[in-house]
Structure formats: C-alpha cells, structure tokens
Amino acid sequence: MKKKVLLVLGALALVLTGCGKGNIPKLENGKEVVASIDGFNLTADDLYEQLKKQNGINMVISKIDEAIINKEITDSKEAEDYADGQVDALRLQYQQYYGVELEEVLPQYGYADVDELKQDIMNDYNKNLVLNNYLEGVVTEDEINEYYENEIFGEMTVRHILIEPDVTDDMTTEEKTAAEEAAKKEAEELIVKLNEGANFEDLAKENSDDAGTASQGGLFADFTKEGTDEAFFNASLALEDGKYTTTPVKSSFGYYIILKVSQKEKPKLEDVIDTVKEKIVENKLEEDTNLSVIAWDEIRAKHNIKINDSVLKENYDKVINQYKNAD
C-alpha cells in the first residue's frame, strides 16, 4: 500500500515539476497532453486537479518534510549506520527463519532493491530525529524538574532470589493459582531460613530461578529504574543497605527475595539532562498518538510553510485539525 501511494504521488510530482521523458504534445491552448485515446486528451492540468484531490496533500507534506529534514540534518552517518543495522537484522531473520535471502522478498513489499529499502529506513529515522529534536527543545523546566525528582535515582546493587511459579499454558486457572501459591510459599520458607542465619548468596545459588544471576549469588549490579520490573525496583529502593525483604515481592516474573547491597548518589541534573528530555518526549509520544502529527505542523510553521493551492491548503488544514480536535 505504501508503495502504491508513492507511485501516485510520484506521478503528481511529475505534473508539478513539468518533468518527464520524451516530447509531450500540447493543445492549442498550450496545455500539455500526458495521455490520449480516441480523441480524448488527458492534460497535465486535468491530472493535477484529480491527483491533488486524492493524494496530493500527502505528496506535498512528504516533499516539504523532506526539505526540512535536509535542512536540519546535515550529516546522514547516524541514519545510515542505523539503516545498515536494520537491513542486516532483516537479512539474518529471513535467512534463519524462512531460508530465503532478503532480496527475494523485497518485491512483495514494493521495494526494487536493498538500497531503496535502506533509503526508506534512513528517511524514517531522520524524520523521527527532527521530531524528537523539536519536542526536546520545547520541554519545559517544570517537566524536567518533575521527571528528575520522581524518575532519576542513583544506581543500585542488590542480591536476589527469584522463585518462578511452575505454570504452563495448558493449565486451568485453578492449577495456575495453585502454582502461584506454591512459589510464594517456597519464597516465604527461604525468608525463614534467612531469619535463622542462612547465607543469602548460598541460598541464591541453590534456589534462584534466575539463570543469569544465580551462579553469582543473585548479584544484580548498578541497575536503574529504566528497564527494571517496577515491583522489583520499588522494593529495592525502599530497603536500607544490608537489609532484605521480609515478605516475597510479587513481580511479573515470579516472587523475589531482595537483599540491598548499596546505592550510589543520585546523579546531578546537568549530567542526565539529555536523558531526561529524551524520556519525557518518549513518554509524551506514547501517551498521545496525535502528538507527532501536531508537532510536525509546528515544525513546518517554524520553517514558514505556505501552501498556495487552495484545495491542497484546505485538505492540509482538515488533516491537522482532525488530529488537534481528537480526544
């Protein structure tokens, strides 16, 4: 579908720029005839009028945004490296899971070759980069301070024991509940052993279902809130150094017993300001699916967008207002 739209927009671009191969005949009134049959002449003006009503505004927006991107992104190395990585990942995926080369399936998605796919990925990457740069530039000081206060913490190091419920997809609800209860009970019994003086590292090595940390005595070092299970993080944050949780911590993975080893000081705002802005923008885009459209309207306005054709201008305003007025 994407490529079909692009083909239509490409035809409109030819009309707008007056570019084409060969000699285009003209009527007596000077209008160019792009096609004819049995005395019927399709002029460039007729084609333009029809196409602009259908997909013209998409092409106009695409070309305007392309000009903005080329103006704001002067170095394409970052986008090129990203596109190379994506192409390599796709190539490996099709080889491993489908036993075919990437080039064999590209025509199914409307791409002539890998270079065209790569260019498409680069364009999307740069468009998102311009969007994020703009949104980060309008993040307020209050938003920054609020995020820093509530979401930025010093890195923590803990030891933990994970007890996973022994559940399978074909279990009944009652069976899954029983497995959950059994896991919780096992975790509670381990806490009793800790209370009786058992060594935390030894218990982790012997009992933890976290294969990645069990052999290290459950050590999980220098983690932050980002990417960490919320219940696990909050329980770790609430502990004093050297203390462990006295009740099992229920998480999306199972039941945790956590021993806090240490926590570093909270980083200074100036050292994490870029990360803070990035996360604020990321959260905004996730919460408001219309934000990117509205923000791009503001970006175009910043670059003094002017749509002279009344039909295209009306269609553009209609699209933007639709997103601005959406609930």
C-alpha atoms as a PDB file:
ATOM      1  CA  MET A   1       0.000   0.000   0.000  1.00  0.00           C
ATOM      2  CA  LYS A   2       2.825   2.363   0.877  1.00  0.00           C
ATOM      3  CA  LYS A   3       4.478   1.977  -2.474  1.00  0.00           C
ATOM      4  CA  LYS A   4       1.199   2.313  -4.358  1.00  0.00           C
ATOM      5  CA  VAL A   5       0.666   5.668  -2.700  1.00  0.00           C
ATOM      6  CA  LEU A   6       4.209   6.673  -3.543  1.00  0.00           C
ATOM      7  CA  LEU A   7       3.634   5.815  -7.195  1.00  0.00           C
ATOM      8  CA  VAL A   8       0.602   8.085  -7.313  1.00  0.00           C
ATOM      9  CA  LEU A   9       2.494  10.837  -5.562  1.00  0.00           C
ATOM     10  CA  GLY A  10       5.372  10.401  -7.959  1.00  0.00           C
ATOM     11  CA  ALA A  11       3.032  10.948 -10.877  1.00  0.00           C
ATOM     12  CA  LEU A  12       1.776  14.128  -9.274  1.00  0.00           C
ATOM     13  CA  ALA A  13       5.357  15.258  -8.745  1.00  0.00           C
ATOM     14  CA  LEU A  14       5.974  14.931 -12.472  1.00  0.00           C
ATOM     15  CA  VAL A  15       2.965  17.113 -13.170  1.00  0.00           C
ATOM     16  CA  LEU A  16       4.010  19.718 -10.629  1.00  0.00           C
ATOM     17  CA  THR A  17       7.574  19.948 -11.875  1.00  0.00           C
ATOM     18  CA  GLY A  18       6.801  19.531 -15.553  1.00  0.00           C
ATOM     19  CA  CYS A  19       9.450  16.814 -15.777  1.00  0.00           C
ATOM     20  CA  GLY A  20       9.047  13.772 -17.997  1.00  0.00           C
ATOM     21  CA  LYS A  21      10.735  11.701 -20.652  1.00  0.00           C
ATOM     22  CA  GLY A  22      10.191  12.392 -24.331  1.00  0.00           C
ATOM     23  CA  ASN A  23       8.349  15.225 -26.031  1.00  0.00           C
ATOM     24  CA  ILE A  24       4.921  15.932 -24.548  1.00  0.00           C
ATOM     25  CA  PRO A  25       2.444  17.240 -27.153  1.00  0.00           C
ATOM     26  CA  LYS A  26       0.487  20.385 -26.423  1.00  0.00           C
ATOM     27  CA  LEU A  27      -3.001  21.551 -27.289  1.00  0.00           C
ATOM     28  CA  GLU A  28      -3.613  24.865 -29.000  1.00  0.00           C
ATOM     29  CA  ASN A  29      -4.209  26.477 -25.634  1.00  0.00           C
ATOM     30  CA  GLY A  30      -0.745  25.354 -24.531  1.00  0.00           C
ATOM     31  CA  LYS A  31      -1.862  22.608 -22.155  1.00  0.00           C
ATOM     32  CA  GLU A  32       0.332  19.507 -22.159  1.00  0.00           C
ATOM     33  CA  VAL A  33      -1.304  16.195 -23.121  1.00  0.00           C
ATOM     34  CA  VAL A  34       0.039  13.437 -20.873  1.00  0.00           C
ATOM     35  CA  ALA A  35      -2.191  10.714 -22.419  1.00  0.00           C
ATOM     36  CA  SER A  36      -4.864  10.367 -25.084  1.00  0.00           C
ATOM     37  CA  ILE A  37      -7.241   7.795 -26.569  1.00  0.00           C
ATOM     38  CA  ASP A  38      -9.762   8.059 -29.419  1.00  0.00           C
ATOM     39  CA  GLY A  39      -9.786  11.813 -29.371  1.00  0.00           C
ATOM     40  CA  PHE A  40      -9.837  12.138 -25.555  1.00  0.00           C
ATOM     41  CA  ASN A  41      -6.925  14.125 -24.194  1.00  0.00           C
ATOM     42  CA  LEU A  42      -5.789  13.944 -20.584  1.00  0.00           C
ATOM     43  CA  THR A  43      -3.884  17.141 -19.903  1.00  0.00           C
ATOM     44  CA  ALA A  44      -1.347  17.772 -17.199  1.00  0.00           C
ATOM     45  CA  ASP A  45      -3.743  20.274 -15.651  1.00  0.00           C
ATOM     46  CA  ASP A  46      -6.546  17.689 -15.563  1.00  0.00           C
ATOM     47  CA  LEU A  47      -4.235  15.128 -13.980  1.00  0.00           C
ATOM     48  CA  TYR A  48      -3.015  17.635 -11.438  1.00  0.00           C
ATOM     49  CA  GLU A  49      -6.549  18.607 -10.422  1.00  0.00           C
ATOM     50  CA  GLN A  50      -7.568  14.964  -9.970  1.00  0.00           C
ATOM     51  CA  LEU A  51      -4.477  13.812  -8.135  1.00  0.00           C
ATOM     52  CA  LYS A  52      -4.337  16.733  -5.744  1.00  0.00           C
ATOM     53  CA  LYS A  53      -7.877  15.924  -4.594  1.00  0.00           C
ATOM     54  CA  GLN A  54      -6.954  12.300  -3.927  1.00  0.00           C
ATOM     55  CA  ASN A  55      -3.378  12.049  -2.645  1.00  0.00           C
ATOM     56  CA  GLY A  56      -1.900  15.415  -3.483  1.00  0.00           C
ATOM     57  CA  ILE A  57      -1.626  16.644   0.092  1.00  0.00           C
ATOM     58  CA  ASN A  58       0.351  13.532   1.048  1.00  0.00           C
ATOM     59  CA  MET A  59       2.918  14.319  -1.621  1.00  0.00           C
ATOM     60  CA  VAL A  60       3.073  17.987  -0.651  1.00  0.00           C
ATOM     61  CA  ILE A  61       3.644  17.106   3.012  1.00  0.00           C
ATOM     62  CA  SER A  62       6.226  14.492   2.062  1.00  0.00           C
ATOM     63  CA  LYS A  63       8.225  16.899  -0.115  1.00  0.00           C
ATOM     64  CA  ILE A  64       8.021  19.738   2.402  1.00  0.00           C
ATOM     65  CA  ASP A  65       9.149  17.470   5.235  1.00  0.00           C
ATOM     66  CA  GLU A  66      11.961  16.149   3.066  1.00  0.00           C
ATOM     67  CA  ALA A  67      13.181  19.711   2.528  1.00  0.00           C
ATOM     68  CA  ILE A  68      13.023  20.403   6.275  1.00  0.00           C
ATOM     69  CA  ILE A  69      14.910  17.209   7.077  1.00  0.00           C
ATOM     70  CA  ASN A  70      17.634  18.010   4.542  1.00  0.00           C
ATOM     71  CA  LYS A  71      17.956  21.461   6.084  1.00  0.00           C
ATOM     72  CA  GLU A  72      18.127  20.283   9.709  1.00  0.00           C
ATOM     73  CA  ILE A  73      20.037  17.006   9.292  1.00  0.00           C
ATOM     74  CA  THR A  74      23.318  17.786   7.580  1.00  0.00           C
ATOM     75  CA  ASP A  75      25.104  14.537   8.494  1.00  0.00           C
ATOM     76  CA  SER A  76      23.403  11.297   7.436  1.00  0.00           C
ATOM     77  CA  LYS A  77      26.021   8.997   9.019  1.00  0.00           C
ATOM     78  CA  GLU A  78      23.871   8.260  12.063  1.00  0.00           C
ATOM     79  CA  ALA A  79      20.856   7.357   9.925  1.00  0.00           C
ATOM     80  CA  GLU A  80      22.992   5.322   7.548  1.00  0.00           C
ATOM     81  CA  ASP A  81      24.501   3.273  10.383  1.00  0.00           C
ATOM     82  CA  TYR A  82      21.031   2.651  11.792  1.00  0.00           C
ATOM     83  CA  ALA A  83      19.686   1.590   8.394  1.00  0.00           C
ATOM     84  CA  ASP A  84      22.630  -0.766   7.852  1.00  0.00           C
ATOM     85  CA  GLY A  85      21.893  -2.401  11.202  1.00  0.00           C
ATOM     86  CA  GLN A  86      18.210  -2.803  10.385  1.00  0.00           C
ATOM     87  CA  VAL A  87      18.940  -4.279   6.959  1.00  0.00           C
ATOM     88  CA  ASP A  88      21.459  -6.716   8.446  1.00  0.00           C
ATOM     89  CA  ALA A  89      18.915  -7.782  11.084  1.00  0.00           C
ATOM     90  CA  LEU A  90      16.216  -8.315   8.453  1.00  0.00           C
ATOM     91  CA  ARG A  91      18.609 -10.257   6.249  1.00  0.00           C
ATOM     92  CA  LEU A  92      19.527 -12.567   9.137  1.00  0.00           C
ATOM     93  CA  GLN A  93      15.880 -13.003  10.108  1.00  0.00           C
ATOM     94  CA  TYR A  94      14.818 -14.129   6.640  1.00  0.00           C
ATOM     95  CA  GLN A  95      17.820 -16.442   6.329  1.00  0.00           C
ATOM     96  CA  GLN A  96      17.321 -18.103   9.722  1.00  0.00           C
ATOM     97  CA  TYR A  97      13.536 -18.346   9.926  1.00  0.00           C
ATOM     98  CA  TYR A  98      12.462 -18.549   6.287  1.00  0.00           C
ATOM     99  CA  GLY A  99      15.527 -19.835   4.476  1.00  0.00           C
ATOM    100  CA  VAL A 100      15.444 -17.077   1.865  1.00  0.00           C
ATOM    101  CA  GLU A 101      17.525 -14.038   1.026  1.00  0.00           C
ATOM    102  CA  LEU A 102      16.168 -10.585   1.764  1.00  0.00           C
ATOM    103  CA  GLU A 103      16.400  -9.611  -1.896  1.00  0.00           C
ATOM    104  CA  GLU A 104      13.927 -12.360  -2.789  1.00  0.00           C
ATOM    105  CA  VAL A 105      11.096 -10.920  -0.702  1.00  0.00           C
ATOM    106  CA  LEU A 106      11.632  -7.196  -1.249  1.00  0.00           C
ATOM    107  CA  PRO A 107       9.375  -7.026  -4.355  1.00  0.00           C
ATOM    108  CA  GLN A 108       6.474  -8.311  -2.222  1.00  0.00           C
ATOM    109  CA  TYR A 109       6.784  -5.105  -0.166  1.00  0.00           C
ATOM    110  CA  GLY A 110       7.209  -2.799  -3.156  1.00  0.00           C
ATOM    111  CA  TYR A 111      10.982  -2.343  -2.993  1.00  0.00           C
ATOM    112  CA  ALA A 112      13.140  -2.682  -6.088  1.00  0.00           C
ATOM    113  CA  ASP A 113      16.337  -3.430  -4.167  1.00  0.00           C
ATOM    114  CA  VAL A 114      18.084  -3.183  -0.804  1.00  0.00           C
ATOM    115  CA  ASP A 115      19.276   0.362  -1.478  1.00  0.00           C
ATOM    116  CA  GLU A 116      15.674   1.524  -1.811  1.00  0.00           C
ATOM    117  CA  LEU A 117      14.736  -0.190   1.449  1.00  0.00           C
ATOM    118  CA  LYS A 118      17.759   1.338   3.165  1.00  0.00           C
ATOM    119  CA  GLN A 119      16.843   4.822   1.928  1.00  0.00           C
ATOM    120  CA  ASP A 120      13.314   4.386   3.246  1.00  0.00           C
ATOM    121  CA  ILE A 121      14.654   3.409   6.671  1.00  0.00           C
ATOM    122  CA  MET A 122      17.035   6.373   6.659  1.00  0.00           C
ATOM    123  CA  ASN A 123      14.225   8.767   5.770  1.00  0.00           C
ATOM    124  CA  ASP A 124      12.054   7.488   8.612  1.00  0.00           C
ATOM    125  CA  TYR A 125      14.975   7.671  11.033  1.00  0.00           C
ATOM    126  CA  ASN A 126      15.823  11.257  10.126  1.00  0.00           C
ATOM    127  CA  LYS A 127      12.179  12.309  10.267  1.00  0.00           C
ATOM    128  CA  ASN A 128      11.912  10.908  13.799  1.00  0.00           C
ATOM    129  CA  LEU A 129      15.181  12.617  14.695  1.00  0.00           C
ATOM    130  CA  VAL A 130      13.860  16.013  13.585  1.00  0.00           C
ATOM    131  CA  LEU A 131      10.639  15.375  15.521  1.00  0.00           C
ATOM    132  CA  ASN A 132      12.449  14.371  18.710  1.00  0.00           C
ATOM    133  CA  ASN A 133      14.876  17.293  18.487  1.00  0.00           C
ATOM    134  CA  TYR A 134      11.959  19.683  18.175  1.00  0.00           C
ATOM    135  CA  LEU A 135       9.974  18.172  21.060  1.00  0.00           C
ATOM    136  CA  GLU A 136      13.040  18.085  23.309  1.00  0.00           C
ATOM    137  CA  GLY A 137      13.519  21.774  22.553  1.00  0.00           C
ATOM    138  CA  VAL A 138      10.063  22.664  23.880  1.00  0.00           C
ATOM    139  CA  VAL A 139      10.224  20.563  27.054  1.00  0.00           C
ATOM    140  CA  THR A 140       9.610  22.915  29.978  1.00  0.00           C
ATOM    141  CA  GLU A 141      11.787  23.401  33.031  1.00  0.00           C
ATOM    142  CA  ASP A 142       8.941  22.204  35.258  1.00  0.00           C
ATOM    143  CA  GLU A 143       8.663  18.976  33.257  1.00  0.00           C
ATOM    144  CA  ILE A 144      12.397  18.426  33.543  1.00  0.00           C
ATOM    145  CA  ASN A 145      12.455  19.017  37.302  1.00  0.00           C
ATOM    146  CA  GLU A 146       9.420  16.795  37.891  1.00  0.00           C
ATOM    147  CA  TYR A 147      10.889  13.900  35.926  1.00  0.00           C
ATOM    148  CA  TYR A 148      14.286  14.302  37.584  1.00  0.00           C
ATOM    149  CA  GLU A 149      12.707  14.308  41.041  1.00  0.00           C
ATOM    150  CA  ASN A 150      10.454  11.296  40.519  1.00  0.00           C
ATOM    151  CA  GLU A 151      12.236   9.117  37.972  1.00  0.00           C
ATOM    152  CA  ILE A 152      16.006   9.570  38.376  1.00  0.00           C
ATOM    153  CA  PHE A 153      17.771   7.618  41.122  1.00  0.00           C
ATOM    154  CA  GLY A 154      21.272   6.525  41.960  1.00  0.00           C
ATOM    155  CA  GLU A 155      22.271   3.129  40.569  1.00  0.00           C
ATOM    156  CA  MET A 156      21.570   0.227  42.914  1.00  0.00           C
ATOM    157  CA  THR A 157      23.248  -3.107  43.514  1.00  0.00           C
ATOM    158  CA  VAL A 158      21.326  -5.966  45.121  1.00  0.00           C
ATOM    159  CA  ARG A 159      21.343  -9.719  45.504  1.00  0.00           C
ATOM    160  CA  HIS A 160      18.118 -11.509  44.799  1.00  0.00           C
ATOM    161  CA  ILE A 161      16.436 -14.882  44.693  1.00  0.00           C
ATOM    162  CA  LEU A 162      13.706 -15.482  42.137  1.00  0.00           C
ATOM    163  CA  ILE A 163      11.134 -18.231  42.603  1.00  0.00           C
ATOM    164  CA  GLU A 164       9.107 -18.736  39.442  1.00  0.00           C
ATOM    165  CA  PRO A 165       5.689 -20.376  39.526  1.00  0.00           C
ATOM    166  CA  ASP A 166       5.745 -23.698  37.683  1.00  0.00           C
ATOM    167  CA  VAL A 167       2.957 -22.911  35.220  1.00  0.00           C
ATOM    168  CA  THR A 168       2.220 -23.934  31.641  1.00  0.00           C
ATOM    169  CA  ASP A 169      -0.160 -22.501  29.051  1.00  0.00           C
ATOM    170  CA  ASP A 170      -2.444 -25.532  29.146  1.00  0.00           C
ATOM    171  CA  MET A 171      -3.101 -25.274  32.893  1.00  0.00           C
ATOM    172  CA  THR A 172      -6.518 -24.357  34.225  1.00  0.00           C
ATOM    173  CA  THR A 173      -6.978 -21.165  36.237  1.00  0.00           C
ATOM    174  CA  GLU A 174      -7.119 -23.227  39.438  1.00  0.00           C
ATOM    175  CA  GLU A 175      -3.880 -25.011  38.577  1.00  0.00           C
ATOM    176  CA  LYS A 176      -2.104 -21.740  37.823  1.00  0.00           C
ATOM    177  CA  THR A 177      -3.315 -20.272  41.117  1.00  0.00           C
ATOM    178  CA  ALA A 178      -2.016 -23.326  42.974  1.00  0.00           C
ATOM    179  CA  ALA A 179       1.370 -22.958  41.264  1.00  0.00           C
ATOM    180  CA  GLU A 180       1.493 -19.278  42.265  1.00  0.00           C
ATOM    181  CA  GLU A 181       0.748 -20.183  45.866  1.00  0.00           C
ATOM    182  CA  ALA A 182       3.436 -22.872  45.854  1.00  0.00           C
ATOM    183  CA  ALA A 183       6.036 -20.395  44.572  1.00  0.00           C
ATOM    184  CA  LYS A 184       5.072 -17.850  47.190  1.00  0.00           C
ATOM    185  CA  LYS A 185       5.282 -20.466  49.936  1.00  0.00           C
ATOM    186  CA  GLU A 186       8.742 -21.537  48.762  1.00  0.00           C
ATOM    187  CA  ALA A 187       9.910 -17.922  48.887  1.00  0.00           C
ATOM    188  CA  GLU A 188       8.470 -17.499  52.392  1.00  0.00           C
ATOM    189  CA  GLU A 189      10.338 -20.601  53.551  1.00  0.00           C
ATOM    190  CA  LEU A 190      13.609 -19.175  52.233  1.00  0.00           C
ATOM    191  CA  ILE A 191      12.990 -15.949  54.158  1.00  0.00           C
ATOM    192  CA  VAL A 192      12.562 -18.036  57.315  1.00  0.00           C
ATOM    193  CA  LYS A 193      15.975 -19.592  56.640  1.00  0.00           C
ATOM    194  CA  LEU A 194      17.470 -16.117  56.232  1.00  0.00           C
ATOM    195  CA  ASN A 195      15.942 -15.087  59.534  1.00  0.00           C
ATOM    196  CA  GLU A 196      17.596 -18.138  61.088  1.00  0.00           C
ATOM    197  CA  GLY A 197      21.002 -17.003  59.792  1.00  0.00           C
ATOM    198  CA  ALA A 198      21.343 -18.685  56.394  1.00  0.00           C
ATOM    199  CA  ASN A 199      23.745 -17.082  53.911  1.00  0.00           C
ATOM    200  CA  PHE A 200      21.913 -15.140  51.191  1.00  0.00           C
ATOM    201  CA  GLU A 201      24.447 -15.904  48.456  1.00  0.00           C
ATOM    202  CA  ASP A 202      24.309 -19.634  49.160  1.00  0.00           C
ATOM    203  CA  LEU A 203      20.516 -19.660  49.085  1.00  0.00           C
ATOM    204  CA  ALA A 204      20.520 -17.770  45.786  1.00  0.00           C
ATOM    205  CA  LYS A 205      22.952 -20.220  44.198  1.00  0.00           C
ATOM    206  CA  GLU A 206      20.892 -23.182  45.370  1.00  0.00           C
ATOM    207  CA  ASN A 207      17.351 -21.913  44.815  1.00  0.00           C
ATOM    208  CA  SER A 208      17.091 -18.926  42.446  1.00  0.00           C
ATOM    209  CA  ASP A 209      15.346 -19.474  39.113  1.00  0.00           C
ATOM    210  CA  ASP A 210      17.174 -16.510  37.590  1.00  0.00           C
ATOM    211  CA  ALA A 211      19.723 -18.371  35.492  1.00  0.00           C
ATOM    212  CA  GLY A 212      21.610 -15.185  34.697  1.00  0.00           C
ATOM    213  CA  THR A 213      22.488 -14.336  38.310  1.00  0.00           C
ATOM    214  CA  ALA A 214      22.073 -17.496  40.410  1.00  0.00           C
ATOM    215  CA  SER A 215      25.692 -18.643  39.990  1.00  0.00           C
ATOM    216  CA  GLN A 216      26.870 -15.203  41.233  1.00  0.00           C
ATOM    217  CA  GLY A 217      24.787 -15.472  44.376  1.00  0.00           C
ATOM    218  CA  GLY A 218      21.955 -13.445  42.862  1.00  0.00           C
ATOM    219  CA  LEU A 219      24.119 -10.362  42.241  1.00  0.00           C
ATOM    220  CA  PHE A 220      22.439  -7.670  40.156  1.00  0.00           C
ATOM    221  CA  ALA A 221      24.724  -4.655  39.937  1.00  0.00           C
ATOM    222  CA  ASP A 222      24.352  -0.978  39.021  1.00  0.00           C
ATOM    223  CA  PHE A 223      20.790  -1.057  37.689  1.00  0.00           C
ATOM    224  CA  THR A 224      18.394   1.847  37.285  1.00  0.00           C
ATOM    225  CA  LYS A 225      14.649   2.179  37.007  1.00  0.00           C
ATOM    226  CA  GLU A 226      14.826   2.015  33.235  1.00  0.00           C
ATOM    227  CA  GLY A 227      14.024  -1.489  32.046  1.00  0.00           C
ATOM    228  CA  THR A 228      13.598  -2.910  35.547  1.00  0.00           C
ATOM    229  CA  ASP A 229      10.429  -4.587  36.808  1.00  0.00           C
ATOM    230  CA  GLU A 230       8.506  -1.908  38.715  1.00  0.00           C
ATOM    231  CA  ALA A 231       7.775  -4.028  41.781  1.00  0.00           C
ATOM    232  CA  PHE A 232      11.399  -5.205  41.940  1.00  0.00           C
ATOM    233  CA  PHE A 233      12.731  -1.655  41.627  1.00  0.00           C
ATOM    234  CA  ASN A 234      10.393  -0.152  44.222  1.00  0.00           C
ATOM    235  CA  ALA A 235      11.154  -2.894  46.742  1.00  0.00           C
ATOM    236  CA  SER A 236      14.899  -2.441  46.209  1.00  0.00           C
ATOM    237  CA  LEU A 237      14.611   1.319  46.570  1.00  0.00           C
ATOM    238  CA  ALA A 238      12.727   1.037  49.869  1.00  0.00           C
ATOM    239  CA  LEU A 239      15.381  -1.165  51.513  1.00  0.00           C
ATOM    240  CA  GLU A 240      18.280   0.043  53.617  1.00  0.00           C
ATOM    241  CA  ASP A 241      21.754  -1.202  52.708  1.00  0.00           C
ATOM    242  CA  GLY A 242      22.294  -4.673  54.176  1.00  0.00           C
ATOM    243  CA  LYS A 243      18.572  -5.341  54.670  1.00  0.00           C
ATOM    244  CA  TYR A 244      16.403  -7.847  52.805  1.00  0.00           C
ATOM    245  CA  THR A 245      12.693  -8.048  52.056  1.00  0.00           C
ATOM    246  CA  THR A 246      10.806  -9.852  54.827  1.00  0.00           C
ATOM    247  CA  THR A 247       7.919 -10.828  52.545  1.00  0.00           C
ATOM    248  CA  PRO A 248       8.124 -12.129  48.948  1.00  0.00           C
ATOM    249  CA  VAL A 249       7.927  -9.424  46.284  1.00  0.00           C
ATOM    250  CA  LYS A 250       5.412 -10.406  43.600  1.00  0.00           C
ATOM    251  CA  SER A 251       6.538  -9.368  40.134  1.00  0.00           C
ATOM    252  CA  SER A 252       5.805 -10.160  36.514  1.00  0.00           C
ATOM    253  CA  PHE A 253       8.440 -12.929  36.702  1.00  0.00           C
ATOM    254  CA  GLY A 254       7.551 -14.556  39.989  1.00  0.00           C
ATOM    255  CA  TYR A 255       8.412 -13.956  43.652  1.00  0.00           C
ATOM    256  CA  TYR A 256      11.591 -12.148  44.642  1.00  0.00           C
ATOM    257  CA  ILE A 257      13.574 -12.000  47.836  1.00  0.00           C
ATOM    258  CA  ILE A 258      15.875  -8.972  47.638  1.00  0.00           C
ATOM    259  CA  LEU A 259      18.961  -8.034  49.664  1.00  0.00           C
ATOM    260  CA  LYS A 260      20.116  -4.464  49.105  1.00  0.00           C
ATOM    261  CA  VAL A 261      23.886  -4.150  48.832  1.00  0.00           C
ATOM    262  CA  SER A 262      24.356  -0.465  48.004  1.00  0.00           C
ATOM    263  CA  GLN A 263      23.025   2.562  46.176  1.00  0.00           C
ATOM    264  CA  LYS A 264      25.014   5.314  44.520  1.00  0.00           C
ATOM    265  CA  GLU A 265      24.217   9.004  44.899  1.00  0.00           C
ATOM    266  CA  LYS A 266      21.644  10.479  42.588  1.00  0.00           C
ATOM    267  CA  PRO A 267      23.395  11.939  39.513  1.00  0.00           C
ATOM    268  CA  LYS A 268      23.355  15.696  39.051  1.00  0.00           C
ATOM    269  CA  LEU A 269      20.691  17.063  36.741  1.00  0.00           C
ATOM    270  CA  GLU A 270      23.214  18.540  34.337  1.00  0.00           C
ATOM    271  CA  ASP A 271      24.774  15.100  33.886  1.00  0.00           C
ATOM    272  CA  VAL A 272      21.494  13.437  32.871  1.00  0.00           C
ATOM    273  CA  ILE A 273      19.560  16.318  31.310  1.00  0.00           C
ATOM    274  CA  ASP A 274      19.746  14.847  27.801  1.00  0.00           C
ATOM    275  CA  THR A 275      18.409  11.511  29.025  1.00  0.00           C
ATOM    276  CA  VAL A 276      15.655  13.264  30.980  1.00  0.00           C
ATOM    277  CA  LYS A 277      14.493  15.176  27.902  1.00  0.00           C
ATOM    278  CA  GLU A 278      14.595  12.050  25.752  1.00  0.00           C
ATOM    279  CA  LYS A 279      12.463  10.122  28.234  1.00  0.00           C
ATOM    280  CA  ILE A 280       9.948  12.957  28.635  1.00  0.00           C
ATOM    281  CA  VAL A 281       9.489  13.101  24.854  1.00  0.00           C
ATOM    282  CA  GLU A 282       9.295   9.304  24.589  1.00  0.00           C
ATOM    283  CA  ASN A 283       6.574   9.202  27.244  1.00  0.00           C
ATOM    284  CA  LYS A 284       4.624  12.007  25.575  1.00  0.00           C
ATOM    285  CA  LEU A 285       4.673  10.259  22.207  1.00  0.00           C
ATOM    286  CA  GLU A 286       3.478   7.015  23.812  1.00  0.00           C
ATOM    287  CA  GLU A 287       0.674   8.746  25.702  1.00  0.00           C
ATOM    288  CA  ASP A 288      -0.548  10.915  22.808  1.00  0.00           C
ATOM    289  CA  THR A 289      -0.614   9.206  19.414  1.00  0.00           C
ATOM    290  CA  ASN A 290      -1.611  12.503  17.760  1.00  0.00           C
ATOM    291  CA  LEU A 291       1.367  14.435  19.089  1.00  0.00           C
ATOM    292  CA  SER A 292       3.723  13.640  16.213  1.00  0.00           C
ATOM    293  CA  VAL A 293       1.271  14.992  13.616  1.00  0.00           C
ATOM    294  CA  ILE A 294       0.639  18.171  15.603  1.00  0.00           C
ATOM    295  CA  ALA A 295       4.343  18.666  16.295  1.00  0.00           C
ATOM    296  CA  TRP A 296       5.208  18.326  12.618  1.00  0.00           C
ATOM    297  CA  ASP A 297       2.642  21.020  11.841  1.00  0.00           C
ATOM    298  CA  GLU A 298       4.519  23.255  14.296  1.00  0.00           C
ATOM    299  CA  ILE A 299       7.860  22.328  12.719  1.00  0.00           C
ATOM    300  CA  ARG A 300       6.557  23.281   9.268  1.00  0.00           C
ATOM    301  CA  ALA A 301       5.201  26.544  10.668  1.00  0.00           C
ATOM    302  CA  LYS A 302       8.644  27.263  12.118  1.00  0.00           C
ATOM    303  CA  HIS A 303      10.021  26.910   8.602  1.00  0.00           C
ATOM    304  CA  ASN A 304       7.321  29.240   7.226  1.00  0.00           C
ATOM    305  CA  ILE A 305       5.214  26.709   5.348  1.00  0.00           C
ATOM    306  CA  LYS A 306       2.981  28.258   2.697  1.00  0.00           C
ATOM    307  CA  ILE A 307       0.568  26.192   0.599  1.00  0.00           C
ATOM    308  CA  ASN A 308      -0.658  28.358  -2.249  1.00  0.00           C
ATOM    309  CA  ASP A 309      -3.123  25.949  -3.850  1.00  0.00           C
ATOM    310  CA  SER A 310      -6.494  26.447  -2.137  1.00  0.00           C
ATOM    311  CA  VAL A 311      -7.572  22.796  -2.443  1.00  0.00           C
ATOM    312  CA  LEU A 312      -4.311  21.471  -1.035  1.00  0.00           C
ATOM    313  CA  LYS A 313      -4.376  24.087   1.736  1.00  0.00           C
ATOM    314  CA  GLU A 314      -7.926  23.110   2.670  1.00  0.00           C
ATOM    315  CA  ASN A 315      -7.015  19.415   2.758  1.00  0.00           C
ATOM    316  CA  TYR A 316      -3.917  20.097   4.844  1.00  0.00           C
ATOM    317  CA  ASP A 317      -5.844  22.150   7.401  1.00  0.00           C
ATOM    318  CA  LYS A 318      -8.531  19.474   7.522  1.00  0.00           C
ATOM    319  CA  VAL A 319      -5.980  16.769   8.351  1.00  0.00           C
ATOM    320  CA  ILE A 320      -4.221  18.812  11.025  1.00  0.00           C
ATOM    321  CA  ASN A 321      -7.452  19.998  12.666  1.00  0.00           C
ATOM    322  CA  GLN A 322      -8.692  16.425  12.778  1.00  0.00           C
ATOM    323  CA  TYR A 323      -5.743  15.450  14.949  1.00  0.00           C
ATOM    324  CA  LYS A 324      -5.846  18.623  17.053  1.00  0.00           C
ATOM    325  CA  ASN A 325      -9.519  18.094  17.881  1.00  0.00           C
ATOM    326  CA  ALA A 326      -9.193  14.364  18.554  1.00  0.00           C
ATOM    327  CA  ASP A 327      -9.955  13.235  22.084  1.00  0.00           C
END
